[in-house]
Amino acid sequence: MSQFKFSVGPWNVHSGADAYGPATRKEIDRDEKIRKFAEMGFSAIQFHDDDAVPNINDYTEEQIKEKARDLRKYLDSLNLKAEFVAPRLWMDPHTKDGGFMSTSEEDYEYAMWRAYRSIDIANELGAPMIVLWLAREGTLCAESKSPVWATKRLVSSINKMLEYDPKIKVCIESKPNEPIDRSICGTMGHVMAISAATIDPARVGGNVESAHAVLSGLDPANEMGFALAFNKLFTVHLNDQNSIRFDQDKSFGVENLRQAFNQVKVLKENGYGSHGEYVGLDVKAMRTTRDEDSYKHLQNSMDIFRMLEEKVDRFDYDFQKKCVENRDFEALEMYVMKLLMGEV
């Protein structure tokens, strides 16, 4: 029996609009997406704060909590959990030059307001953590911010979140660039350093996204393994990426099958999921996808993961041991390739 449960966010099903073209599919209502996710076998839903409470800026703190409670009832009716809540700071005019690292005190306070509201929503939904994708937390102009000041500001902001709620976990999703030019927290190594500098490092960890690791020139499985070694892998966002072009969020395993295999392998070997962690997807359908196929990329990603999990179950560790003892890595590499191609 598989040890893994899957999670997904509403943004994984979208209209196909991108920076160079308009929508190619109809918008689908959030609750309809969530119902479909339940039918597909997902166990938990990932939320941005304004996924959970649309038009969040228009409501008071108590109104936000009330709307989150209504959403919780809907999730309960579908036997779904909420995995996390993430403040979507990159979409608001207040955060056009970052939120936690904004040089405007007014905009910084707005960012903290959104972070606190995300924690409130997480508590109402029963989610144990918030995720920080630091989308605009860096620089567009290299000389506009001191990286020393910005790093310390991030640590201070996370400390405020930890103080606001004594139980909430803070999970940083690292990325080296895009939409900003230079990220302050680009890799899992950066996440680890930030975590160690906070007032409660045990509650600060990371989310490894496959594509973001590739954009950093790193191997996703190694990034996951690095975090696992320190009990810092709070969640994952699985997808795929064709080189370092731009953040593509392709279906898991469609570009780099062996790389995908090793992501499944490192998760399975190290008991990921045994403490309630989810295998999260962060994938986008191609612009050419038809309305009736709006969920196919999600099903494909889950199916590929499960097929690779079966390959991991069949992996011959005795043969691996012999190859390592003899330093016959050519034989080991060929064995892996045959395994992936169905020859063993």
Protein backbone atom coordinates (compact mmCIF):
# COMPACT_ATOMS: atom_id res chain seq x y z
CA MET A 1 0.00 0.00 0.00
CA SER A 2 1.32 3.46 -0.87
CA GLN A 3 2.49 5.71 1.95
CA PHE A 4 1.63 8.82 -0.03
CA LYS A 5 -1.37 11.15 -0.07
CA PHE A 6 -1.75 13.92 -2.65
CA SER A 7 -2.62 17.60 -2.35
CA VAL A 8 -3.43 20.22 -4.96
CA GLY A 9 -4.33 23.91 -5.14
CA PRO A 10 -7.14 25.58 -7.11
CA TRP A 11 -4.58 27.46 -9.22
CA ASN A 12 -3.51 24.14 -10.77
CA VAL A 13 -6.64 24.39 -12.92
CA HIS A 14 -6.68 27.71 -14.72
CA SER A 15 -7.77 29.42 -17.93
CA GLY A 16 -4.46 29.18 -19.79
CA ALA A 17 -3.61 32.88 -19.86
CA ASP A 18 0.09 33.73 -19.70
CA ALA A 19 2.35 36.73 -20.09
CA TYR A 20 2.05 36.54 -23.89
CA GLY A 21 -1.56 35.65 -24.49
CA PRO A 22 -5.12 35.68 -23.17
CA ALA A 23 -7.14 32.87 -21.65
CA THR A 24 -7.80 29.78 -23.78
CA ARG A 25 -10.26 28.04 -21.44
CA LYS A 26 -13.25 29.00 -19.33
CA GLU A 27 -12.76 29.86 -15.68
CA ILE A 28 -14.01 27.20 -13.28
CA ASP A 29 -15.56 28.02 -9.91
CA ARG A 30 -13.34 27.28 -6.90
CA ASP A 31 -15.82 25.00 -5.18
CA GLU A 32 -16.38 23.04 -8.40
CA LYS A 33 -12.61 22.51 -8.64
CA ILE A 34 -12.44 21.31 -5.05
CA ARG A 35 -15.30 18.87 -5.61
CA LYS A 36 -13.52 17.49 -8.68
CA PHE A 37 -10.25 17.18 -6.73
CA ALA A 38 -12.05 15.02 -4.17
CA GLU A 39 -13.44 12.81 -6.94
CA MET A 40 -9.94 12.39 -8.39
CA GLY A 41 -8.58 11.06 -5.10
CA PHE A 42 -6.77 14.05 -3.65
CA SER A 43 -6.65 14.11 0.15
CA ALA A 44 -5.91 17.78 0.82
CA ILE A 45 -6.20 21.21 -0.74
CA GLN A 46 -3.52 23.89 -0.86
CA PHE A 47 -4.80 27.44 -0.49
CA HIS A 48 -3.62 30.96 -1.03
CA ASP A 49 -5.26 33.31 1.43
CA ASP A 50 -7.41 34.78 -1.33
CA ASP A 51 -8.30 31.32 -2.65
CA ALA A 52 -9.83 30.63 0.73
CA VAL A 53 -11.29 34.13 1.12
CA PRO A 54 -11.65 35.90 -2.26
CA ASN A 55 -11.38 39.70 -2.11
CA ILE A 56 -9.68 39.35 1.26
CA ASN A 57 -8.82 43.07 1.43
CA ASP A 58 -12.51 43.93 1.67
CA TYR A 59 -13.15 42.15 4.96
CA THR A 60 -12.45 42.58 8.65
CA GLU A 61 -10.45 40.02 10.59
CA GLU A 62 -13.59 38.45 12.02
CA GLN A 63 -15.31 38.34 8.63
CA ILE A 64 -12.27 36.58 7.18
CA LYS A 65 -12.42 33.96 9.92
CA GLU A 66 -16.14 33.48 9.36
CA LYS A 67 -15.66 32.89 5.63
CA ALA A 68 -12.84 30.44 6.38
CA ARG A 69 -15.16 28.54 8.72
CA ASP A 70 -17.70 28.24 5.91
CA LEU A 71 -14.99 26.83 3.64
CA ARG A 72 -13.99 24.36 6.35
CA LYS A 73 -17.55 23.00 6.36
CA TYR A 74 -17.35 22.44 2.61
CA LEU A 75 -14.02 20.64 2.89
CA ASP A 76 -15.38 18.47 5.70
CA SER A 77 -18.37 17.51 3.56
CA LEU A 78 -15.95 16.18 0.93
CA ASN A 79 -13.63 14.52 3.47
CA LEU A 80 -10.79 16.85 2.47
CA LYS A 81 -8.12 18.51 4.60
CA ALA A 82 -6.43 21.85 4.11
CA GLU A 83 -2.66 21.38 3.76
CA PHE A 84 -1.55 25.00 4.10
CA VAL A 85 -2.42 28.63 3.48
CA ALA A 86 -0.08 30.99 1.63
CA PRO A 87 -0.33 34.79 1.50
CA ARG A 88 -0.49 35.73 -2.19
CA LEU A 89 1.57 38.90 -1.83
CA TRP A 90 2.80 39.16 -5.41
CA MET A 91 -0.60 40.15 -6.84
CA ASP A 92 -1.32 43.31 -4.85
CA PRO A 93 -0.14 46.85 -5.68
CA HIS A 94 1.18 47.16 -2.11
CA THR A 95 3.75 44.46 -2.84
CA LYS A 96 5.01 45.42 -6.29
CA ASP A 97 8.50 45.81 -4.78
CA GLY A 98 8.17 43.01 -2.28
CA GLY A 99 6.27 42.70 0.97
CA PHE A 100 8.48 41.50 3.78
CA MET A 101 11.41 43.24 2.08
CA SER A 102 9.54 46.34 0.97
CA THR A 103 11.27 49.64 1.58
CA SER A 104 7.84 51.18 2.24
CA GLU A 105 6.77 50.79 5.85
CA GLU A 106 3.10 50.99 4.85
CA ASP A 107 3.53 48.20 2.33
CA TYR A 108 5.50 46.13 4.84
CA GLU A 109 2.67 46.41 7.36
CA TYR A 110 0.24 45.32 4.67
CA ALA A 111 2.38 42.23 3.99
CA MET A 112 2.39 41.36 7.67
CA TRP A 113 -1.39 41.86 7.79
CA ARG A 114 -1.77 39.32 5.00
CA ALA A 115 0.60 36.92 6.77
CA TYR A 116 -1.38 37.17 10.01
CA ARG A 117 -4.66 36.68 8.16
CA SER A 118 -3.18 33.60 6.46
CA ILE A 119 -2.41 32.20 9.90
CA ASP A 120 -5.97 32.96 11.02
CA ILE A 121 -7.38 31.21 7.95
CA ALA A 122 -5.05 28.23 8.47
CA ASN A 123 -6.28 27.85 12.03
CA GLU A 124 -9.92 27.97 10.94
CA LEU A 125 -9.25 25.38 8.21
CA GLY A 126 -7.23 23.12 10.48
CA ALA A 127 -4.06 23.55 8.40
CA PRO A 128 -0.82 23.24 10.41
CA MET A 129 1.32 25.67 8.40
CA ILE A 130 1.57 28.62 6.11
CA VAL A 131 3.76 28.62 3.02
CA LEU A 132 5.78 31.63 1.94
CA TRP A 133 6.58 31.77 -1.76
CA LEU A 134 8.79 34.85 -1.69
CA ALA A 135 7.83 35.82 -5.22
CA ARG A 136 8.88 39.49 -5.19
CA GLU A 137 11.20 39.29 -2.18
CA GLY A 138 14.46 40.34 -3.76
CA THR A 139 15.52 43.05 -6.16
CA LEU A 140 14.64 44.31 -9.61
CA CYS A 141 17.53 46.78 -9.33
CA ALA A 142 20.63 45.35 -7.66
CA GLU A 143 21.48 48.55 -5.83
CA SER A 144 17.94 49.16 -4.52
CA LYS A 145 18.27 46.98 -1.42
CA SER A 146 21.06 45.67 0.73
CA PRO A 147 20.94 41.86 0.74
CA VAL A 148 22.08 41.98 4.37
CA TRP A 149 19.17 44.25 5.34
CA ALA A 150 16.70 42.19 3.28
CA THR A 151 17.79 38.89 4.81
CA LYS A 152 17.52 40.22 8.35
CA ARG A 153 14.12 41.71 7.52
CA LEU A 154 12.89 38.30 6.37
CA VAL A 155 14.05 36.65 9.59
CA SER A 156 12.36 39.37 11.62
CA SER A 157 9.11 38.93 9.69
CA ILE A 158 9.07 35.18 10.23
CA ASN A 159 9.77 35.70 13.94
CA LYS A 160 6.67 37.90 14.12
CA MET A 161 4.60 35.11 12.54
CA LEU A 162 5.98 32.58 15.02
CA GLU A 163 5.13 34.92 17.88
CA TYR A 164 1.64 35.59 16.51
CA ASP A 165 0.79 31.88 16.77
CA PRO A 166 2.74 29.50 19.03
CA LYS A 167 1.84 26.40 16.98
CA ILE A 168 1.89 27.45 13.34
CA LYS A 169 4.71 26.23 11.11
CA VAL A 170 6.27 28.49 8.49
CA CYS A 171 7.33 26.78 5.26
CA ILE A 172 9.46 28.68 2.74
CA GLU A 173 9.20 27.82 -0.94
CA SER A 174 12.54 28.80 -2.43
CA LYS A 175 13.10 30.03 -5.98
CA PRO A 176 16.17 31.78 -7.48
CA ASN A 177 14.43 34.32 -9.73
CA GLU A 178 11.23 35.24 -11.58
CA PRO A 179 9.29 37.41 -11.21
CA ILE A 180 12.12 39.31 -9.52
CA ASP A 181 15.68 39.47 -10.82
CA ARG A 182 17.57 38.33 -7.71
CA SER A 183 15.97 36.30 -4.95
CA ILE A 184 17.12 36.63 -1.36
CA CYS A 185 16.16 33.01 -0.56
CA GLY A 186 16.80 30.99 -3.71
CA THR A 187 17.51 27.42 -2.57
CA MET A 188 16.90 24.98 0.26
CA GLY A 189 20.29 25.93 1.66
CA HIS A 190 19.06 29.49 2.03
CA VAL A 191 15.89 28.21 3.70
CA MET A 192 17.97 26.25 6.21
CA ALA A 193 20.02 29.30 7.09
CA ILE A 194 16.91 31.45 7.54
CA SER A 195 15.35 28.74 9.70
CA ALA A 196 18.38 28.53 11.96
CA ALA A 197 18.29 32.29 12.53
CA THR A 198 14.67 32.38 13.73
CA ILE A 199 13.42 32.20 17.31
CA ASP A 200 12.01 28.68 16.78
CA PRO A 201 13.89 26.80 14.04
CA ALA A 202 11.86 23.62 14.60
CA ARG A 203 8.81 25.40 13.18
CA VAL A 204 10.51 26.78 10.07
CA GLY A 205 11.20 24.52 7.12
CA GLY A 206 10.96 24.29 3.38
CA ASN A 207 8.90 23.33 0.35
CA VAL A 208 10.97 21.93 -2.50
CA GLU A 209 9.41 22.55 -5.91
CA SER A 210 10.94 20.43 -8.66
CA ALA A 211 10.98 23.25 -11.23
CA HIS A 212 12.49 25.78 -8.83
CA ALA A 213 15.36 23.42 -8.08
CA VAL A 214 16.02 23.00 -11.81
CA LEU A 215 15.93 26.78 -12.27
CA SER A 216 18.66 26.98 -9.62
CA GLY A 217 20.77 24.49 -11.56
CA LEU A 218 20.21 21.88 -8.82
CA ASP A 219 18.81 18.37 -8.71
CA PRO A 220 15.34 18.25 -7.12
CA ALA A 221 15.94 14.90 -5.41
CA ASN A 222 19.15 16.22 -3.84
CA GLU A 223 17.32 19.34 -2.61
CA MET A 224 14.67 17.10 -1.07
CA GLY A 225 17.29 14.82 0.44
CA PHE A 226 19.17 17.78 1.92
CA ALA A 227 15.99 18.97 3.63
CA LEU A 228 15.05 15.46 4.76
CA ALA A 229 18.43 15.03 6.43
CA PHE A 230 17.54 17.87 8.80
CA ASN A 231 13.79 17.11 9.13
CA LYS A 232 13.04 20.31 7.23
CA LEU A 233 11.04 19.02 4.28
CA PHE A 234 7.57 20.18 5.30
CA THR A 235 6.04 19.64 1.86
CA VAL A 236 6.87 19.29 -1.84
CA HIS A 237 5.55 20.74 -5.08
CA LEU A 238 6.13 18.20 -7.81
CA ASN A 239 6.22 19.23 -11.45
CA ASP A 240 8.77 19.29 -14.27
CA GLN A 241 10.90 21.76 -16.12
CA ASN A 242 12.65 21.96 -19.49
CA SER A 243 16.02 23.42 -18.51
CA ILE A 244 16.29 26.92 -17.00
CA ARG A 245 14.07 28.88 -19.39
CA PHE A 246 11.24 30.07 -17.12
CA ASP A 247 9.02 28.48 -14.49
CA GLN A 248 7.02 26.05 -16.62
CA ASP A 249 5.22 23.84 -14.06
CA LYS A 250 4.92 20.96 -16.50
CA SER A 251 3.29 17.68 -15.47
CA PHE A 252 5.49 15.63 -13.17
CA GLY A 253 8.02 13.45 -14.97
CA VAL A 254 7.25 14.46 -18.56
CA GLU A 255 10.64 16.07 -19.22
CA ASN A 256 13.09 14.31 -16.88
CA LEU A 257 11.86 10.80 -16.10
CA ARG A 258 15.00 9.59 -14.30
CA GLN A 259 15.09 12.80 -12.27
CA ALA A 260 11.44 12.24 -11.36
CA PHE A 261 12.18 8.62 -10.40
CA ASN A 262 14.84 9.76 -7.96
CA GLN A 263 12.47 12.28 -6.39
CA VAL A 264 9.99 9.50 -5.67
CA LYS A 265 12.83 7.27 -4.51
CA VAL A 266 14.27 9.73 -1.98
CA LEU A 267 10.82 10.46 -0.57
CA LYS A 268 9.92 6.78 -0.25
CA GLU A 269 13.25 5.68 1.19
CA ASN A 270 13.13 8.31 3.91
CA GLY A 271 9.58 7.82 5.13
CA TYR A 272 8.17 11.03 3.71
CA GLY A 273 4.46 11.10 4.45
CA SER A 274 4.71 9.18 7.72
CA HIS A 275 4.21 12.37 9.72
CA GLY A 276 1.26 13.61 7.70
CA GLU A 277 3.16 15.26 4.84
CA TYR A 278 1.47 15.38 1.44
CA VAL A 279 2.80 14.93 -2.07
CA GLY A 280 1.77 18.30 -3.45
CA LEU A 281 1.35 19.05 -7.14
CA ASP A 282 2.00 22.44 -8.72
CA VAL A 283 1.38 21.89 -12.41
CA LYS A 284 -0.21 23.82 -15.24
CA ALA A 285 -2.15 22.56 -18.24
CA MET A 286 -0.80 23.54 -21.63
CA ARG A 287 -2.50 26.48 -23.36
CA THR A 288 -3.68 24.11 -26.07
CA THR A 289 -5.62 21.96 -23.58
CA ARG A 290 -9.37 21.91 -24.16
CA ASP A 291 -11.94 22.81 -21.49
CA GLU A 292 -13.04 19.21 -21.13
CA ASP A 293 -9.45 18.19 -20.36
CA SER A 294 -8.78 20.85 -17.72
CA TYR A 295 -7.86 18.25 -15.09
CA LYS A 296 -5.94 15.80 -17.28
CA HIS A 297 -2.48 17.17 -16.34
CA LEU A 298 -3.26 16.49 -12.68
CA GLN A 299 -4.32 12.93 -13.37
CA ASN A 300 -1.23 12.42 -15.53
CA SER A 301 1.04 13.69 -12.75
CA MET A 302 -0.51 11.38 -10.16
CA ASP A 303 -0.37 8.42 -12.54
CA ILE A 304 3.30 9.03 -13.36
CA PHE A 305 4.13 9.33 -9.66
CA ARG A 306 2.39 6.04 -8.91
CA MET A 307 4.10 4.25 -11.80
CA LEU A 308 7.46 5.51 -10.58
CA GLU A 309 6.60 4.46 -7.04
CA GLU A 310 6.08 0.95 -8.38
CA LYS A 311 9.52 1.17 -10.01
CA VAL A 312 11.02 2.19 -6.67
CA ASP A 313 9.33 -0.80 -5.01
CA ARG A 314 11.01 -3.07 -7.57
CA PHE A 315 14.44 -1.45 -7.25
CA ASP A 316 17.09 -4.10 -6.57
CA TYR A 317 19.01 -2.78 -3.58
CA ASP A 318 21.18 -5.92 -3.40
CA PHE A 319 22.34 -5.32 -6.95
CA GLN A 320 22.92 -1.67 -6.13
CA LYS A 321 25.09 -2.69 -3.17
CA LYS A 322 27.21 -4.98 -5.32
CA CYS A 323 27.67 -2.29 -7.96
CA VAL A 324 28.75 0.20 -5.31
CA GLU A 325 31.17 -2.26 -3.74
CA ASN A 326 32.72 -2.94 -7.17
CA ARG A 327 32.43 0.69 -8.24
CA ASP A 328 30.64 -0.57 -11.31
CA PHE A 329 28.49 2.50 -11.78
CA GLU A 330 28.08 1.77 -15.49
CA ALA A 331 26.19 -1.39 -14.58
CA LEU A 332 24.11 0.42 -11.97
CA GLU A 333 23.24 3.18 -14.39
CA MET A 334 22.21 0.71 -17.07
CA TYR A 335 20.10 -1.19 -14.54
CA VAL A 336 18.20 2.01 -13.68
CA MET A 337 17.61 2.76 -17.35
CA LYS A 338 16.32 -0.77 -18.00
CA LEU A 339 14.09 -0.51 -14.96
CA LEU A 340 12.58 2.74 -16.21
CA MET A 341 12.12 1.34 -19.71
CA GLY A 342 10.42 -1.82 -18.47
CA GLU A 343 13.24 -4.18 -19.40
CA VAL A 344 13.72 -5.59 -15.86
